[in-house]
Each structure stands twice: as C-alpha cells, then as structure tokens.
C-alpha cells in the first residue's frame, strides 16, 4: 500500500542499527519456497488461526481465501470470503485482522481518497467472525465501523498483550511520524472514532513503511512487517513490545532484510515461531514459505 512518497531514511536506519540493544535472539530468516497463488488480487496480508492460513487481498472486491499447510506449500481449501454487504464492496483494501479468542474481531481498511494515492482514510471494522466464515460475506455480520482518526497514515490491527491485558495494536505506513498504538479493545468495540477519550492506551515511535504487524505472545515480541523503501524491498523488524511501550520508542531486537525487490505486504508465523508465510502484492511469486532461526 502506497500513501505518501518521501526520501529514503538510510541515515536514520543506520543509526538504528548502530544502537541495537543486546538480546539473546539472533533471528535469521530465509525463504524456503516461493509460489504463485492466484485469485487474491494484490495480496495484502496473511493470518494463521487454528491450523488454517487466511490470505486476504483487494481483487475486484476485498476478499479472503483459506489454505492448509502441506510441507512447504499452501493448499487451497475451496473457501472464499468477500468483504461485501448487499453486494457492495465494503472493506475494499483489507490491511489487517485482529483476532483473539473470546474478544471482538477487527479488520482494518485503507480507503483511497484521490486517484494519485496521496490521501487515504483509515477505517476499522468490527465483524462477527464466525458468521462471516459461515456465510462468506459481511451481510448481517458487520457490527460497527470505526474511523481510525487517531492514526497518522493507515491502520493494520493486531492483538497484543501488555501488562497482562490484551489490546488492539495498529501502525502507520508512511515515513513521517510513524507510531505503533495500542487501543482499548472494549472501548474500540463501542467507538465511532479512535480519537475518543481513553482509546489510545500507549504508543511508541517506529521506523517507516509498516505494512502489517505480527505478534509472538510467548516471547512478547512484535514484528513490524515493512518495506525498506516506499513499496519496495523487504524488512522485518523485531521489537521488544513491553520495553518499546514503556520507553515510547521501538526497542529493536533484530532487523532482518532480504534483497527481494517487490512490496512485502504481510507475514504470519505458522504452528510455531520457526516457520512462517510472507506475502507480497506481486501477481506472480507472491507467497513465500520462510524458515526462522532463533
């Protein structure tokens, strides 16, 4: 997703790398297999839940398909879901799925406001997840629409745990004033705007071009799925979530980059923290199985 073009921040990144804190994790990431998965449009993200991989994109409408993992491959289950209501495209550009058992489910969306793609509006939708998976559309499953006006540029919701409580985290895409913010999930479920009092619980500054978030609760690590430049080249930034929130700026554990030139959009770990799936917006070779060595 492209929002605002700015010059590369090579100097800032160099400073960031120079002051990485000591941490027991080395974290090396390698692509084990790449494949082309069609019918997703420009794939925008991936989510692994209960043994199933959910890939979502912005085809002719915002949509999602499910896959099972077989060795280093994803096998389509035959199930497709559309983020439509009464046939109308509602979540046309899905940018994240925040799911945690027993809590409200939120899906992010970024709406283009001009043809140049320089102005966007961020929205968060609360949906009936079970109903959505049963019927395949948002008909009777769209609970509420929240304007994410507390954001700077875009939203990408993900559940994270901080001091024993689960919150909805989201982040910005551009490279000016980027933040990761924590929203109170109970308040968010009743809100019309994220700027309402008490909504933003904590936040921290981060580096540019965050496309999505992935949380590892066992390690309390948040992964910022990023581009090195606007819409180009892969970057995964592992941060200590609690320390970042306490200090107000990203406490970086490891930055892992590849020389892949396309636009990294999303990443999810699979059954453990050693295997994952990365997705891009490319039309071919858009899904990549990855090995993660700690």
C-alpha atoms as a PDB file:
ATOM      1  CA  UNK A   1       0.000   0.000   0.000  1.00  0.00           C
ATOM      2  CA  UNK A   2       1.466   3.357  -1.031  1.00  0.00           C
ATOM      3  CA  UNK A   3       0.392   6.560   0.716  1.00  0.00           C
ATOM      4  CA  UNK A   4       2.955   9.388   0.651  1.00  0.00           C
ATOM      5  CA  UNK A   5       6.326   9.454  -1.121  1.00  0.00           C
ATOM      6  CA  UNK A   6       9.313  10.608   0.903  1.00  0.00           C
ATOM      7  CA  UNK A   7      13.085  10.344   0.538  1.00  0.00           C
ATOM      8  CA  UNK A   8      14.777   7.185   1.836  1.00  0.00           C
ATOM      9  CA  UNK A   9      15.716   7.196   5.508  1.00  0.00           C
ATOM     10  CA  UNK A  10      19.081   5.457   5.197  1.00  0.00           C
ATOM     11  CA  UNK A  11      20.744   7.663   7.806  1.00  0.00           C
ATOM     12  CA  UNK A  12      18.057   7.005  10.402  1.00  0.00           C
ATOM     13  CA  UNK A  13      18.217   3.272   9.725  1.00  0.00           C
ATOM     14  CA  UNK A  14      21.993   3.259  10.095  1.00  0.00           C
ATOM     15  CA  UNK A  15      21.690   4.955  13.475  1.00  0.00           C
ATOM     16  CA  UNK A  16      19.015   2.480  14.495  1.00  0.00           C
ATOM     17  CA  UNK A  17      21.251  -0.488  13.666  1.00  0.00           C
ATOM     18  CA  UNK A  18      24.212   1.071  15.479  1.00  0.00           C
ATOM     19  CA  UNK A  19      22.307   1.220  18.754  1.00  0.00           C
ATOM     20  CA  UNK A  20      20.517  -2.140  18.730  1.00  0.00           C
ATOM     21  CA  UNK A  21      20.356  -3.415  22.335  1.00  0.00           C
ATOM     22  CA  UNK A  22      21.916  -6.714  23.320  1.00  0.00           C
ATOM     23  CA  UNK A  23      19.388  -9.536  23.102  1.00  0.00           C
ATOM     24  CA  UNK A  24      19.693 -13.339  23.224  1.00  0.00           C
ATOM     25  CA  UNK A  25      17.953 -13.788  19.849  1.00  0.00           C
ATOM     26  CA  UNK A  26      19.952 -13.674  16.610  1.00  0.00           C
ATOM     27  CA  UNK A  27      16.921 -14.299  14.334  1.00  0.00           C
ATOM     28  CA  UNK A  28      17.817 -15.304  10.804  1.00  0.00           C
ATOM     29  CA  UNK A  29      15.094 -15.576   8.144  1.00  0.00           C
ATOM     30  CA  UNK A  30      15.322 -17.482   4.854  1.00  0.00           C
ATOM     31  CA  UNK A  31      12.840 -18.187   2.086  1.00  0.00           C
ATOM     32  CA  UNK A  32      12.419 -21.950   1.712  1.00  0.00           C
ATOM     33  CA  UNK A  33       9.914 -21.937  -1.146  1.00  0.00           C
ATOM     34  CA  UNK A  34       8.151 -19.375  -3.324  1.00  0.00           C
ATOM     35  CA  UNK A  35       4.919 -19.880  -5.227  1.00  0.00           C
ATOM     36  CA  UNK A  36       2.251 -18.046  -7.175  1.00  0.00           C
ATOM     37  CA  UNK A  37      -1.231 -18.093  -5.642  1.00  0.00           C
ATOM     38  CA  UNK A  38      -3.838 -16.564  -7.915  1.00  0.00           C
ATOM     39  CA  UNK A  39      -7.282 -15.022  -7.351  1.00  0.00           C
ATOM     40  CA  UNK A  40      -6.121 -12.792  -4.490  1.00  0.00           C
ATOM     41  CA  UNK A  41      -5.713  -9.572  -6.442  1.00  0.00           C
ATOM     42  CA  UNK A  42      -2.859  -7.727  -4.766  1.00  0.00           C
ATOM     43  CA  UNK A  43      -2.388  -9.816  -1.630  1.00  0.00           C
ATOM     44  CA  UNK A  44      -2.421  -7.573   1.450  1.00  0.00           C
ATOM     45  CA  UNK A  45      -1.759  -9.918   4.350  1.00  0.00           C
ATOM     46  CA  UNK A  46      -1.746 -13.344   5.959  1.00  0.00           C
ATOM     47  CA  UNK A  47      -3.113 -14.745   9.230  1.00  0.00           C
ATOM     48  CA  UNK A  48      -2.690 -18.207  10.769  1.00  0.00           C
ATOM     49  CA  UNK A  49      -5.550 -19.321  13.033  1.00  0.00           C
ATOM     50  CA  UNK A  50      -6.371 -22.804  14.330  1.00  0.00           C
ATOM     51  CA  UNK A  51      -4.370 -24.639  11.663  1.00  0.00           C
ATOM     52  CA  UNK A  52      -5.643 -22.521   8.754  1.00  0.00           C
ATOM     53  CA  UNK A  53      -3.851 -19.826   6.761  1.00  0.00           C
ATOM     54  CA  UNK A  54      -6.019 -16.869   5.743  1.00  0.00           C
ATOM     55  CA  UNK A  55      -4.757 -14.804   2.805  1.00  0.00           C
ATOM     56  CA  UNK A  56      -6.598 -11.583   2.036  1.00  0.00           C
ATOM     57  CA  UNK A  57      -6.357  -9.124  -0.832  1.00  0.00           C
ATOM     58  CA  UNK A  58      -8.038  -6.453  -2.929  1.00  0.00           C
ATOM     59  CA  UNK A  59      -9.278  -8.204  -6.026  1.00  0.00           C
ATOM     60  CA  UNK A  60     -12.405  -6.727  -7.687  1.00  0.00           C
ATOM     61  CA  UNK A  61     -13.615  -6.536  -4.066  1.00  0.00           C
ATOM     62  CA  UNK A  62     -11.840  -7.026  -0.759  1.00  0.00           C
ATOM     63  CA  UNK A  63     -11.694 -10.768  -0.216  1.00  0.00           C
ATOM     64  CA  UNK A  64     -10.079 -13.641   1.668  1.00  0.00           C
ATOM     65  CA  UNK A  65      -9.275 -17.308   0.969  1.00  0.00           C
ATOM     66  CA  UNK A  66      -8.214 -20.137   3.276  1.00  0.00           C
ATOM     67  CA  UNK A  67      -5.363 -22.646   2.879  1.00  0.00           C
ATOM     68  CA  UNK A  68      -3.930 -25.663   4.640  1.00  0.00           C
ATOM     69  CA  UNK A  69      -0.190 -26.123   5.080  1.00  0.00           C
ATOM     70  CA  UNK A  70       1.374 -29.181   3.445  1.00  0.00           C
ATOM     71  CA  UNK A  71       5.142 -29.302   3.895  1.00  0.00           C
ATOM     72  CA  UNK A  72       6.355 -26.074   2.222  1.00  0.00           C
ATOM     73  CA  UNK A  73       3.136 -25.484   0.288  1.00  0.00           C
ATOM     74  CA  UNK A  74      -0.275 -23.924   0.827  1.00  0.00           C
ATOM     75  CA  UNK A  75      -3.253 -25.907  -0.454  1.00  0.00           C
ATOM     76  CA  UNK A  76      -6.465 -24.016  -1.197  1.00  0.00           C
ATOM     77  CA  UNK A  77      -9.435 -25.289   0.834  1.00  0.00           C
ATOM     78  CA  UNK A  78     -12.011 -24.062  -1.680  1.00  0.00           C
ATOM     79  CA  UNK A  79     -13.396 -21.477   0.741  1.00  0.00           C
ATOM     80  CA  UNK A  80     -13.563 -17.829  -0.355  1.00  0.00           C
ATOM     81  CA  UNK A  81     -14.996 -14.894   1.585  1.00  0.00           C
ATOM     82  CA  UNK A  82     -15.906 -11.424   0.393  1.00  0.00           C
ATOM     83  CA  UNK A  83     -15.842  -8.265   2.478  1.00  0.00           C
ATOM     84  CA  UNK A  84     -19.098  -7.098   0.893  1.00  0.00           C
ATOM     85  CA  UNK A  85     -22.528  -6.137   2.200  1.00  0.00           C
ATOM     86  CA  UNK A  86     -25.594  -6.342  -0.034  1.00  0.00           C
ATOM     87  CA  UNK A  87     -23.147  -6.952  -2.877  1.00  0.00           C
ATOM     88  CA  UNK A  88     -21.317  -3.670  -2.207  1.00  0.00           C
ATOM     89  CA  UNK A  89     -17.572  -3.651  -1.629  1.00  0.00           C
ATOM     90  CA  UNK A  90     -17.107  -2.512   1.992  1.00  0.00           C
ATOM     91  CA  UNK A  91     -13.585  -3.472   3.119  1.00  0.00           C
ATOM     92  CA  UNK A  92     -12.046  -2.905  -0.275  1.00  0.00           C
ATOM     93  CA  UNK A  93      -8.399  -2.790   0.852  1.00  0.00           C
ATOM     94  CA  UNK A  94      -8.056  -5.071   3.925  1.00  0.00           C
ATOM     95  CA  UNK A  95      -4.928  -4.227   5.908  1.00  0.00           C
ATOM     96  CA  UNK A  96      -5.034  -6.468   8.966  1.00  0.00           C
ATOM     97  CA  UNK A  97      -7.120  -8.896  11.015  1.00  0.00           C
ATOM     98  CA  UNK A  98      -7.112  -8.633  14.809  1.00  0.00           C
ATOM     99  CA  UNK A  99      -8.335 -11.925  16.248  1.00  0.00           C
ATOM    100  CA  UNK A 100      -8.078 -13.274  19.788  1.00  0.00           C
ATOM    101  CA  UNK A 101     -10.434 -15.936  21.089  1.00  0.00           C
ATOM    102  CA  UNK A 102     -13.268 -14.505  23.159  1.00  0.00           C
ATOM    103  CA  UNK A 103     -12.616 -10.899  22.090  1.00  0.00           C
ATOM    104  CA  UNK A 104     -14.086  -8.676  19.353  1.00  0.00           C
ATOM    105  CA  UNK A 105     -12.685  -9.235  15.859  1.00  0.00           C
ATOM    106  CA  UNK A 106     -11.485  -6.200  13.909  1.00  0.00           C
ATOM    107  CA  UNK A 107     -10.456  -5.823  10.255  1.00  0.00           C
ATOM    108  CA  UNK A 108      -8.512  -2.811   9.001  1.00  0.00           C
ATOM    109  CA  UNK A 109      -9.147  -0.935   5.774  1.00  0.00           C
ATOM    110  CA  UNK A 110      -7.488   1.936   3.938  1.00  0.00           C
ATOM    111  CA  UNK A 111      -9.706   3.925   1.587  1.00  0.00           C
ATOM    112  CA  UNK A 112      -8.115   5.878  -1.261  1.00  0.00           C
ATOM    113  CA  UNK A 113      -9.433   9.463  -1.334  1.00  0.00           C
ATOM    114  CA  UNK A 114      -7.740  10.641  -4.540  1.00  0.00           C
ATOM    115  CA  UNK A 115      -6.621   8.987  -7.739  1.00  0.00           C
ATOM    116  CA  UNK A 116      -2.973   9.879  -7.083  1.00  0.00           C
ATOM    117  CA  UNK A 117      -2.990   7.730  -3.950  1.00  0.00           C
ATOM    118  CA  UNK A 118      -1.640  10.510  -1.731  1.00  0.00           C
ATOM    119  CA  UNK A 119      -4.714  10.834   0.504  1.00  0.00           C
ATOM    120  CA  UNK A 120      -6.185   7.930   2.473  1.00  0.00           C
ATOM    121  CA  UNK A 121      -8.782   7.342   5.170  1.00  0.00           C
ATOM    122  CA  UNK A 122      -8.266   4.588   7.739  1.00  0.00           C
ATOM    123  CA  UNK A 123     -11.208   2.535   8.983  1.00  0.00           C
ATOM    124  CA  UNK A 124     -11.533  -0.358  11.420  1.00  0.00           C
ATOM    125  CA  UNK A 125     -14.495  -2.724  11.117  1.00  0.00           C
ATOM    126  CA  UNK A 126     -15.803  -4.898  13.921  1.00  0.00           C
ATOM    127  CA  UNK A 127     -17.241  -8.073  12.437  1.00  0.00           C
ATOM    128  CA  UNK A 128     -18.960 -11.280  13.531  1.00  0.00           C
ATOM    129  CA  UNK A 129     -16.093 -13.600  12.587  1.00  0.00           C
ATOM    130  CA  UNK A 130     -17.987 -16.883  12.964  1.00  0.00           C
ATOM    131  CA  UNK A 131     -20.903 -15.551  10.952  1.00  0.00           C
ATOM    132  CA  UNK A 132     -18.576 -14.200   8.274  1.00  0.00           C
ATOM    133  CA  UNK A 133     -16.889 -17.592   7.879  1.00  0.00           C
ATOM    134  CA  UNK A 134     -20.283 -19.284   7.719  1.00  0.00           C
ATOM    135  CA  UNK A 135     -21.972 -17.058   5.122  1.00  0.00           C
ATOM    136  CA  UNK A 136     -18.929 -15.785   3.214  1.00  0.00           C
ATOM    137  CA  UNK A 137     -19.967 -12.103   3.251  1.00  0.00           C
ATOM    138  CA  UNK A 138     -20.474  -9.249   5.697  1.00  0.00           C
ATOM    139  CA  UNK A 139     -24.261  -9.444   5.326  1.00  0.00           C
ATOM    140  CA  UNK A 140     -25.609  -9.440   8.908  1.00  0.00           C
ATOM    141  CA  UNK A 141     -22.026  -9.795  10.125  1.00  0.00           C
ATOM    142  CA  UNK A 142     -20.839  -6.174  10.121  1.00  0.00           C
ATOM    143  CA  UNK A 143     -21.175  -4.974  13.725  1.00  0.00           C
ATOM    144  CA  UNK A 144     -19.648  -1.491  13.604  1.00  0.00           C
ATOM    145  CA  UNK A 145     -17.414   0.853  11.619  1.00  0.00           C
ATOM    146  CA  UNK A 146     -14.787   2.917  13.446  1.00  0.00           C
ATOM    147  CA  UNK A 147     -12.905   5.799  11.882  1.00  0.00           C
ATOM    148  CA  UNK A 148      -9.243   5.454  12.830  1.00  0.00           C
ATOM    149  CA  UNK A 149      -8.624   9.184  13.080  1.00  0.00           C
ATOM    150  CA  UNK A 150      -6.007   8.732  15.831  1.00  0.00           C
ATOM    151  CA  UNK A 151      -3.692   7.260  13.214  1.00  0.00           C
ATOM    152  CA  UNK A 152      -1.211   9.208  11.124  1.00  0.00           C
ATOM    153  CA  UNK A 153      -1.322   7.098   7.957  1.00  0.00           C
ATOM    154  CA  UNK A 154      -3.381   3.917   7.759  1.00  0.00           C
ATOM    155  CA  UNK A 155      -4.165   1.080  10.147  1.00  0.00           C
ATOM    156  CA  UNK A 156      -3.280  -2.607  10.456  1.00  0.00           C
ATOM    157  CA  UNK A 157      -4.893  -4.116  13.582  1.00  0.00           C
ATOM    158  CA  UNK A 158      -3.345  -6.977  15.581  1.00  0.00           C
ATOM    159  CA  UNK A 159      -3.999  -8.198  19.135  1.00  0.00           C
ATOM    160  CA  UNK A 160      -1.058  -7.878  21.548  1.00  0.00           C
ATOM    161  CA  UNK A 161      -0.642  -8.391  25.292  1.00  0.00           C
ATOM    162  CA  UNK A 162       0.717  -5.686  27.569  1.00  0.00           C
ATOM    163  CA  UNK A 163       0.926  -5.956  31.369  1.00  0.00           C
ATOM    164  CA  UNK A 164      -1.480  -8.879  31.451  1.00  0.00           C
ATOM    165  CA  UNK A 165      -4.183  -7.346  29.226  1.00  0.00           C
ATOM    166  CA  UNK A 166      -4.945  -7.777  25.541  1.00  0.00           C
ATOM    167  CA  UNK A 167      -5.110  -4.671  23.345  1.00  0.00           C
ATOM    168  CA  UNK A 168      -5.536  -3.938  19.647  1.00  0.00           C
ATOM    169  CA  UNK A 169      -2.282  -2.627  18.188  1.00  0.00           C
ATOM    170  CA  UNK A 170      -2.062  -0.797  14.878  1.00  0.00           C
ATOM    171  CA  UNK A 171       0.623   1.121  12.986  1.00  0.00           C
ATOM    172  CA  UNK A 172       1.254   3.706  10.274  1.00  0.00           C
ATOM    173  CA  UNK A 173       2.624   3.170   6.777  1.00  0.00           C
ATOM    174  CA  UNK A 174       4.354   6.386   5.660  1.00  0.00           C
ATOM    175  CA  UNK A 175       7.729   7.651   6.849  1.00  0.00           C
ATOM    176  CA  UNK A 176       6.774  10.718   8.855  1.00  0.00           C
ATOM    177  CA  UNK A 177       5.785  10.444  12.497  1.00  0.00           C
ATOM    178  CA  UNK A 178       5.222   6.685  12.411  1.00  0.00           C
ATOM    179  CA  UNK A 179       3.769   5.083  15.536  1.00  0.00           C
ATOM    180  CA  UNK A 180       2.501   1.799  16.883  1.00  0.00           C
ATOM    181  CA  UNK A 181      -0.584   2.497  19.017  1.00  0.00           C
ATOM    182  CA  UNK A 182      -2.495   0.348  21.492  1.00  0.00           C
ATOM    183  CA  UNK A 183      -6.276   0.701  21.591  1.00  0.00           C
ATOM    184  CA  UNK A 184      -8.526  -0.496  24.405  1.00  0.00           C
ATOM    185  CA  UNK A 185     -10.444  -3.342  22.711  1.00  0.00           C
ATOM    186  CA  UNK A 186     -13.616  -2.949  24.810  1.00  0.00           C
ATOM    187  CA  UNK A 187     -13.797   0.773  24.077  1.00  0.00           C
ATOM    188  CA  UNK A 188     -12.950   0.224  20.430  1.00  0.00           C
ATOM    189  CA  UNK A 189     -15.899  -2.162  20.084  1.00  0.00           C
ATOM    190  CA  UNK A 190     -18.245   0.655  21.137  1.00  0.00           C
ATOM    191  CA  UNK A 191     -16.490   3.582  19.454  1.00  0.00           C
ATOM    192  CA  UNK A 192     -17.154   5.559  16.301  1.00  0.00           C
ATOM    193  CA  UNK A 193     -13.667   7.139  16.273  1.00  0.00           C
ATOM    194  CA  UNK A 194     -10.315   6.112  17.730  1.00  0.00           C
ATOM    195  CA  UNK A 195      -9.707   9.689  18.885  1.00  0.00           C
ATOM    196  CA  UNK A 196     -12.360   9.259  21.584  1.00  0.00           C
ATOM    197  CA  UNK A 197     -11.133   9.660  25.211  1.00  0.00           C
ATOM    198  CA  UNK A 198      -9.284   6.697  26.678  1.00  0.00           C
ATOM    199  CA  UNK A 199      -8.964   4.872  23.378  1.00  0.00           C
ATOM    200  CA  UNK A 200      -5.198   5.186  22.866  1.00  0.00           C
ATOM    201  CA  UNK A 201      -3.632   3.477  25.876  1.00  0.00           C
ATOM    202  CA  UNK A 202       0.070   3.509  24.915  1.00  0.00           C
ATOM    203  CA  UNK A 203       2.168   4.124  21.818  1.00  0.00           C
ATOM    204  CA  UNK A 204       5.730   4.150  20.570  1.00  0.00           C
ATOM    205  CA  UNK A 205       7.586   5.656  17.607  1.00  0.00           C
ATOM    206  CA  UNK A 206       8.825   3.296  14.896  1.00  0.00           C
ATOM    207  CA  UNK A 207      10.624   3.262  11.560  1.00  0.00           C
ATOM    208  CA  UNK A 208       8.855   3.815   8.192  1.00  0.00           C
ATOM    209  CA  UNK A 209       6.751   1.774   5.814  1.00  0.00           C
ATOM    210  CA  UNK A 210       4.972  -0.634   8.191  1.00  0.00           C
ATOM    211  CA  UNK A 211       2.625  -2.797   6.135  1.00  0.00           C
ATOM    212  CA  UNK A 212       1.404  -5.170   8.833  1.00  0.00           C
ATOM    213  CA  UNK A 213       2.004  -6.447  12.377  1.00  0.00           C
ATOM    214  CA  UNK A 214       2.640  -9.955  13.708  1.00  0.00           C
ATOM    215  CA  UNK A 215       2.734 -10.739  17.443  1.00  0.00           C
ATOM    216  CA  UNK A 216       4.524 -13.568  19.273  1.00  0.00           C
ATOM    217  CA  UNK A 217       2.870 -13.798  22.708  1.00  0.00           C
ATOM    218  CA  UNK A 218       5.293 -16.415  24.090  1.00  0.00           C
ATOM    219  CA  UNK A 219       8.226 -14.047  23.567  1.00  0.00           C
ATOM    220  CA  UNK A 220       6.243 -10.789  23.810  1.00  0.00           C
ATOM    221  CA  UNK A 221       7.822  -9.740  20.526  1.00  0.00           C
ATOM    222  CA  UNK A 222       6.060  -7.639  17.920  1.00  0.00           C
ATOM    223  CA  UNK A 223       7.234  -7.972  14.327  1.00  0.00           C
ATOM    224  CA  UNK A 224       6.873  -4.915  12.105  1.00  0.00           C
ATOM    225  CA  UNK A 225       6.410  -6.154   8.545  1.00  0.00           C
ATOM    226  CA  UNK A 226       7.899  -3.342   6.490  1.00  0.00           C
ATOM    227  CA  UNK A 227       9.392  -2.119   3.246  1.00  0.00           C
ATOM    228  CA  UNK A 228      12.891  -0.649   3.141  1.00  0.00           C
ATOM    229  CA  UNK A 229      11.621   1.996   0.722  1.00  0.00           C
ATOM    230  CA  UNK A 230       8.135   3.087  -0.270  1.00  0.00           C
ATOM    231  CA  UNK A 231       6.527  -0.008  -1.784  1.00  0.00           C
ATOM    232  CA  UNK A 232       9.833  -1.848  -2.311  1.00  0.00           C
ATOM    233  CA  UNK A 233      12.170  -4.351  -0.643  1.00  0.00           C
ATOM    234  CA  UNK A 234      11.539  -6.434   2.430  1.00  0.00           C
ATOM    235  CA  UNK A 235      12.221  -5.623   6.066  1.00  0.00           C
ATOM    236  CA  UNK A 236      11.191  -7.442   9.264  1.00  0.00           C
ATOM    237  CA  UNK A 237      11.804  -5.501  12.486  1.00  0.00           C
ATOM    238  CA  UNK A 238      11.546  -7.497  15.724  1.00  0.00           C
ATOM    239  CA  UNK A 239      10.837  -5.284  18.751  1.00  0.00           C
ATOM    240  CA  UNK A 240      10.521  -5.899  22.479  1.00  0.00           C
ATOM    241  CA  UNK A 241       6.884  -4.853  22.882  1.00  0.00           C
ATOM    242  CA  UNK A 242       6.823  -4.068  26.600  1.00  0.00           C
ATOM    243  CA  UNK A 243      10.085  -2.120  26.529  1.00  0.00           C
ATOM    244  CA  UNK A 244       9.008  -0.200  23.426  1.00  0.00           C
ATOM    245  CA  UNK A 245       5.734   0.845  25.041  1.00  0.00           C
ATOM    246  CA  UNK A 246       7.428   1.785  28.321  1.00  0.00           C
ATOM    247  CA  UNK A 247      10.112   3.871  26.600  1.00  0.00           C
ATOM    248  CA  UNK A 248       7.951   5.384  23.847  1.00  0.00           C
ATOM    249  CA  UNK A 249      10.231   4.318  21.004  1.00  0.00           C
ATOM    250  CA  UNK A 250      10.880   0.975  19.310  1.00  0.00           C
ATOM    251  CA  UNK A 251      13.265  -1.237  21.301  1.00  0.00           C
ATOM    252  CA  UNK A 252      14.681  -3.159  18.359  1.00  0.00           C
ATOM    253  CA  UNK A 253      15.885  -6.726  18.863  1.00  0.00           C
ATOM    254  CA  UNK A 254      16.727  -7.549  15.254  1.00  0.00           C
ATOM    255  CA  UNK A 255      16.220  -6.189  11.752  1.00  0.00           C
ATOM    256  CA  UNK A 256      16.081  -8.859   9.050  1.00  0.00           C
ATOM    257  CA  UNK A 257      16.105  -7.819   5.393  1.00  0.00           C
ATOM    258  CA  UNK A 258      16.104  -9.564   2.035  1.00  0.00           C
ATOM    259  CA  UNK A 259      17.091  -8.435  -1.442  1.00  0.00           C
ATOM    260  CA  UNK A 260      13.610  -9.176  -2.782  1.00  0.00           C
ATOM    261  CA  UNK A 261      12.647  -6.083  -4.796  1.00  0.00           C
ATOM    262  CA  UNK A 262       8.838  -6.313  -4.574  1.00  0.00           C
ATOM    263  CA  UNK A 263       6.393  -4.966  -1.988  1.00  0.00           C
ATOM    264  CA  UNK A 264       6.190  -7.043   1.180  1.00  0.00           C
ATOM    265  CA  UNK A 265       2.620  -6.811   2.500  1.00  0.00           C
ATOM    266  CA  UNK A 266       2.222  -9.355   5.286  1.00  0.00           C
ATOM    267  CA  UNK A 267       3.691 -12.187   7.322  1.00  0.00           C
ATOM    268  CA  UNK A 268       2.371 -14.752   9.767  1.00  0.00           C
ATOM    269  CA  UNK A 269       4.010 -17.444  11.829  1.00  0.00           C
ATOM    270  CA  UNK A 270       2.505 -20.903  11.425  1.00  0.00           C
ATOM    271  CA  UNK A 271       2.329 -23.639  14.089  1.00  0.00           C
ATOM    272  CA  UNK A 272       5.495 -22.387  15.783  1.00  0.00           C
ATOM    273  CA  UNK A 273       7.906 -19.482  15.675  1.00  0.00           C
ATOM    274  CA  UNK A 274      10.261 -21.253  13.273  1.00  0.00           C
ATOM    275  CA  UNK A 275       8.050 -21.335  10.187  1.00  0.00           C
ATOM    276  CA  UNK A 276       6.068 -18.590   8.533  1.00  0.00           C
ATOM    277  CA  UNK A 277       4.467 -17.296   5.353  1.00  0.00           C
ATOM    278  CA  UNK A 278       5.249 -13.925   3.772  1.00  0.00           C
ATOM    279  CA  UNK A 279       3.058 -12.394   1.070  1.00  0.00           C
ATOM    280  CA  UNK A 280       3.559  -9.614  -1.462  1.00  0.00           C
ATOM    281  CA  UNK A 281       1.327  -7.637  -3.795  1.00  0.00           C
ATOM    282  CA  UNK A 282       3.032  -9.112  -6.878  1.00  0.00           C
ATOM    283  CA  UNK A 283       0.959 -11.033  -9.431  1.00  0.00           C
ATOM    284  CA  UNK A 284       3.459 -13.913  -9.512  1.00  0.00           C
ATOM    285  CA  UNK A 285       5.696 -15.421  -6.834  1.00  0.00           C
ATOM    286  CA  UNK A 286       3.549 -13.661  -4.276  1.00  0.00           C
ATOM    287  CA  UNK A 287       3.601 -16.252  -1.449  1.00  0.00           C
ATOM    288  CA  UNK A 288       6.794 -17.360   0.295  1.00  0.00           C
ATOM    289  CA  UNK A 289       7.300 -20.041   2.934  1.00  0.00           C
ATOM    290  CA  UNK A 290      10.020 -18.953   5.358  1.00  0.00           C
ATOM    291  CA  UNK A 291      12.279 -20.517   7.948  1.00  0.00           C
ATOM    292  CA  UNK A 292      13.083 -18.513  11.064  1.00  0.00           C
ATOM    293  CA  UNK A 293      16.149 -19.462  13.121  1.00  0.00           C
ATOM    294  CA  UNK A 294      16.383 -18.057  16.619  1.00  0.00           C
END
